[in-house]
N, C-alpha and C. Protein backbone atom coordinates (compact mmCIF):
# COMPACT_ATOMS: atom_id res chain seq x y z
N MET A 1 106.75 36.79 -115.48
CA MET A 1 106.88 37.00 -114.05
C MET A 1 106.64 38.48 -113.76
N ALA A 2 105.84 38.77 -112.77
CA ALA A 2 105.52 40.16 -112.42
C ALA A 2 106.67 40.78 -111.64
N GLN A 3 106.91 42.05 -111.92
CA GLN A 3 107.94 42.79 -111.18
C GLN A 3 107.26 43.58 -110.07
N ASN A 4 107.94 43.67 -108.95
CA ASN A 4 107.37 44.37 -107.80
C ASN A 4 108.01 45.73 -107.59
N GLY A 5 108.40 46.40 -108.66
CA GLY A 5 108.99 47.73 -108.54
C GLY A 5 107.94 48.76 -108.20
N LYS A 6 108.36 49.79 -107.48
CA LYS A 6 107.43 50.85 -107.13
C LYS A 6 107.48 51.92 -108.21
N ARG A 7 106.36 52.59 -108.38
CA ARG A 7 106.25 53.64 -109.37
C ARG A 7 105.68 54.87 -108.68
N THR A 8 106.22 56.01 -108.98
CA THR A 8 105.73 57.25 -108.40
C THR A 8 104.71 57.87 -109.34
N ILE A 9 103.56 58.21 -108.78
CA ILE A 9 102.50 58.86 -109.52
C ILE A 9 102.09 60.10 -108.73
N GLN A 10 102.06 61.24 -109.40
CA GLN A 10 101.63 62.46 -108.72
C GLN A 10 100.12 62.59 -108.83
N ILE A 11 99.49 62.84 -107.69
CA ILE A 11 98.04 63.02 -107.64
C ILE A 11 97.75 64.29 -106.86
N ASN A 12 96.96 65.15 -107.43
CA ASN A 12 96.55 66.38 -106.74
C ASN A 12 95.15 66.18 -106.19
N VAL A 13 94.96 66.59 -104.93
CA VAL A 13 93.68 66.40 -104.26
C VAL A 13 93.24 67.73 -103.68
N ARG A 14 91.98 68.05 -103.89
CA ARG A 14 91.39 69.23 -103.26
C ARG A 14 90.37 68.77 -102.24
N LEU A 15 90.53 69.24 -101.02
CA LEU A 15 89.63 68.87 -99.93
C LEU A 15 89.11 70.13 -99.26
N SER A 16 87.89 70.04 -98.79
CA SER A 16 87.38 71.12 -97.96
C SER A 16 88.07 71.02 -96.60
N THR A 17 88.05 72.09 -95.85
CA THR A 17 88.63 72.08 -94.52
C THR A 17 87.96 71.02 -93.65
N GLU A 18 86.65 70.88 -93.79
CA GLU A 18 85.91 69.90 -92.99
C GLU A 18 86.34 68.47 -93.35
N ASP A 19 86.49 68.18 -94.65
CA ASP A 19 86.92 66.84 -95.07
C ASP A 19 88.34 66.55 -94.60
N TYR A 20 89.23 67.55 -94.69
CA TYR A 20 90.61 67.36 -94.25
C TYR A 20 90.65 67.08 -92.75
N ASP A 21 89.88 67.82 -91.97
CA ASP A 21 89.83 67.58 -90.53
C ASP A 21 89.30 66.18 -90.21
N LEU A 22 88.29 65.74 -90.95
CA LEU A 22 87.73 64.40 -90.76
C LEU A 22 88.79 63.33 -91.04
N ILE A 23 89.54 63.50 -92.12
CA ILE A 23 90.59 62.53 -92.48
C ILE A 23 91.69 62.52 -91.43
N LYS A 24 92.08 63.68 -90.94
CA LYS A 24 93.12 63.74 -89.90
C LYS A 24 92.66 63.06 -88.61
N ARG A 25 91.40 63.24 -88.24
CA ARG A 25 90.86 62.59 -87.04
C ARG A 25 90.82 61.07 -87.22
N ALA A 26 90.40 60.62 -88.39
CA ALA A 26 90.36 59.17 -88.65
C ALA A 26 91.76 58.57 -88.58
N ALA A 27 92.73 59.24 -89.17
CA ALA A 27 94.11 58.75 -89.13
C ALA A 27 94.62 58.71 -87.70
N GLY A 28 94.27 59.70 -86.90
CA GLY A 28 94.68 59.71 -85.50
C GLY A 28 94.09 58.55 -84.72
N SER A 29 92.88 58.14 -85.08
CA SER A 29 92.24 57.00 -84.42
C SER A 29 92.88 55.68 -84.84
N LEU A 30 93.22 55.57 -86.13
CA LEU A 30 93.82 54.33 -86.62
C LEU A 30 95.29 54.19 -86.23
N TRP A 31 96.03 55.27 -86.31
CA TRP A 31 97.48 55.24 -86.08
C TRP A 31 97.87 56.32 -85.08
N PRO A 32 97.50 56.17 -83.80
CA PRO A 32 97.67 57.25 -82.82
C PRO A 32 99.12 57.68 -82.59
N ASP A 33 100.07 56.80 -82.69
CA ASP A 33 101.47 57.15 -82.39
C ASP A 33 102.31 57.36 -83.64
N ALA A 34 101.72 57.26 -84.82
CA ALA A 34 102.49 57.36 -86.05
C ALA A 34 102.68 58.81 -86.46
N GLU A 35 103.87 59.11 -86.98
CA GLU A 35 104.14 60.41 -87.58
C GLU A 35 103.92 60.23 -89.08
N LEU A 36 102.85 60.80 -89.58
CA LEU A 36 102.49 60.60 -90.98
C LEU A 36 102.41 61.93 -91.73
N SER A 37 102.79 61.86 -92.99
CA SER A 37 102.60 63.02 -93.85
C SER A 37 101.16 63.04 -94.34
N ASN A 38 100.73 64.16 -94.87
CA ASN A 38 99.38 64.24 -95.41
C ASN A 38 99.17 63.20 -96.50
N SER A 39 100.16 63.03 -97.37
CA SER A 39 100.00 62.04 -98.45
C SER A 39 99.98 60.62 -97.89
N GLY A 40 100.74 60.35 -96.84
CA GLY A 40 100.73 59.04 -96.21
C GLY A 40 99.39 58.71 -95.59
N ILE A 41 98.77 59.71 -94.98
CA ILE A 41 97.44 59.52 -94.39
C ILE A 41 96.43 59.18 -95.48
N LEU A 42 96.41 59.98 -96.56
CA LEU A 42 95.45 59.74 -97.64
C LEU A 42 95.67 58.39 -98.31
N LEU A 43 96.93 58.04 -98.55
CA LEU A 43 97.22 56.75 -99.17
C LEU A 43 96.80 55.60 -98.27
N GLY A 44 97.10 55.69 -96.99
CA GLY A 44 96.73 54.62 -96.06
C GLY A 44 95.23 54.40 -96.00
N LEU A 45 94.48 55.49 -95.87
CA LEU A 45 93.02 55.36 -95.80
C LEU A 45 92.45 54.90 -97.13
N ALA A 46 93.02 55.36 -98.23
CA ALA A 46 92.54 54.92 -99.55
C ALA A 46 92.77 53.43 -99.75
N LYS A 47 93.92 52.92 -99.32
CA LYS A 47 94.21 51.48 -99.47
C LYS A 47 93.27 50.63 -98.63
N ILE A 48 92.99 51.08 -97.41
CA ILE A 48 92.06 50.35 -96.55
C ILE A 48 90.69 50.27 -97.21
N THR A 49 90.20 51.40 -97.70
CA THR A 49 88.89 51.44 -98.34
C THR A 49 88.86 50.64 -99.63
N ALA A 50 89.93 50.70 -100.41
CA ALA A 50 90.00 49.94 -101.66
C ALA A 50 89.90 48.44 -101.38
N ARG A 51 90.60 47.98 -100.36
CA ARG A 51 90.52 46.54 -100.00
C ARG A 51 89.10 46.17 -99.58
N GLN A 52 88.46 47.03 -98.79
CA GLN A 52 87.09 46.75 -98.35
C GLN A 52 86.14 46.67 -99.54
N VAL A 53 86.28 47.56 -100.48
CA VAL A 53 85.42 47.56 -101.66
C VAL A 53 85.62 46.27 -102.46
N LEU A 54 86.86 45.87 -102.67
CA LEU A 54 87.13 44.67 -103.46
C LEU A 54 86.72 43.39 -102.75
N GLU A 55 86.66 43.41 -101.42
CA GLU A 55 86.20 42.26 -100.65
C GLU A 55 84.69 42.22 -100.54
N GLY A 56 84.01 43.21 -101.11
CA GLY A 56 82.56 43.25 -101.07
C GLY A 56 82.01 43.92 -99.84
N LYS A 57 82.87 44.47 -99.01
CA LYS A 57 82.42 45.18 -97.82
C LYS A 57 82.18 46.63 -98.23
N THR A 58 81.08 47.18 -97.80
CA THR A 58 80.82 48.57 -98.12
C THR A 58 81.30 49.45 -96.98
N PRO A 59 82.05 50.50 -97.29
CA PRO A 59 82.50 51.40 -96.23
C PRO A 59 81.33 52.12 -95.60
N LYS A 60 81.48 52.46 -94.33
CA LYS A 60 80.43 53.20 -93.64
C LYS A 60 80.31 54.58 -94.27
N LYS A 61 79.08 54.99 -94.49
CA LYS A 61 78.85 56.30 -95.08
C LYS A 61 78.72 57.35 -94.01
N LYS A 62 79.18 58.54 -94.33
CA LYS A 62 79.12 59.67 -93.41
C LYS A 62 77.68 60.09 -93.21
N PRO A 63 77.24 60.21 -91.95
CA PRO A 63 75.85 60.65 -91.72
C PRO A 63 75.67 62.09 -92.20
N LYS A 64 74.47 62.38 -92.70
CA LYS A 64 74.20 63.73 -93.20
C LYS A 64 73.64 64.61 -92.13
């Protein structure tokens, strides 16, 4: 039987100022009234994208 315990994993992320601003804007669009930490924003967006990838949906790519 699988256990549903949570595990804490530390992850360090380096982002450019432009990438960080992009992520903050996306989070504001998805969750306009939520008070989120930086790690909560990154985790939320990563989970959404991970589900899309596993479902065979390709995430929209940033225009160059």
